[in-house]
Amino acid sequence: MIDLVQKGFFPEGSRVLYAHLGGGPAINGYSYTFRNG
């Protein structure tokens, strides 16, 4: 993500959510959060 910011991938002033969920196995514990997009 740092690389994307440095390369200007995100427009200035945009809001970016970085959700560190602890890796692949942890995503299953939060599946209800992403169920409906």
Protein backbone atom coordinates (compact mmCIF):
# COMPACT_ATOMS: atom_id res chain seq x y z
CA MET A 1 0.00 0.00 0.00
CA ILE A 2 2.87 2.36 0.73
CA ASP A 3 4.11 1.75 -2.80
CA LEU A 4 0.71 2.65 -4.27
CA VAL A 5 0.58 5.89 -2.29
CA GLN A 6 4.10 6.82 -3.36
CA LYS A 7 3.20 6.16 -7.01
CA GLY A 8 0.10 8.37 -6.80
CA PHE A 9 -2.39 5.53 -7.28
CA PHE A 10 -4.87 7.18 -4.92
CA PRO A 11 -6.02 10.68 -5.89
CA GLU A 12 -5.09 13.40 -3.42
CA GLY A 13 -7.82 13.89 -0.85
CA SER A 14 -9.33 10.44 -1.39
CA ARG A 15 -10.33 8.28 1.55
CA VAL A 16 -8.66 4.90 1.75
CA LEU A 17 -9.59 2.16 4.20
CA TYR A 18 -6.78 -0.20 5.13
CA ALA A 19 -8.18 -3.23 6.92
CA HIS A 20 -5.46 -5.55 8.20
CA LEU A 21 -7.34 -8.70 9.09
CA GLY A 22 -4.37 -10.84 10.03
CA GLY A 23 -4.06 -12.84 6.84
CA GLY A 24 -6.11 -15.33 4.87
CA PRO A 25 -7.38 -17.52 7.73
CA ALA A 26 -8.67 -14.50 9.64
CA ILE A 27 -10.90 -13.41 6.74
CA ASN A 28 -13.26 -16.31 7.46
CA GLY A 29 -13.91 -14.88 10.91
CA TYR A 30 -15.19 -11.66 9.34
CA SER A 31 -17.13 -13.13 6.40
CA TYR A 32 -20.40 -11.65 7.69
CA THR A 33 -18.90 -8.18 7.18
CA PHE A 34 -18.33 -8.75 3.47
CA ARG A 35 -21.37 -10.90 2.71
CA ASN A 36 -23.47 -8.16 1.10
CA GLY A 37 -20.63 -6.21 -0.47
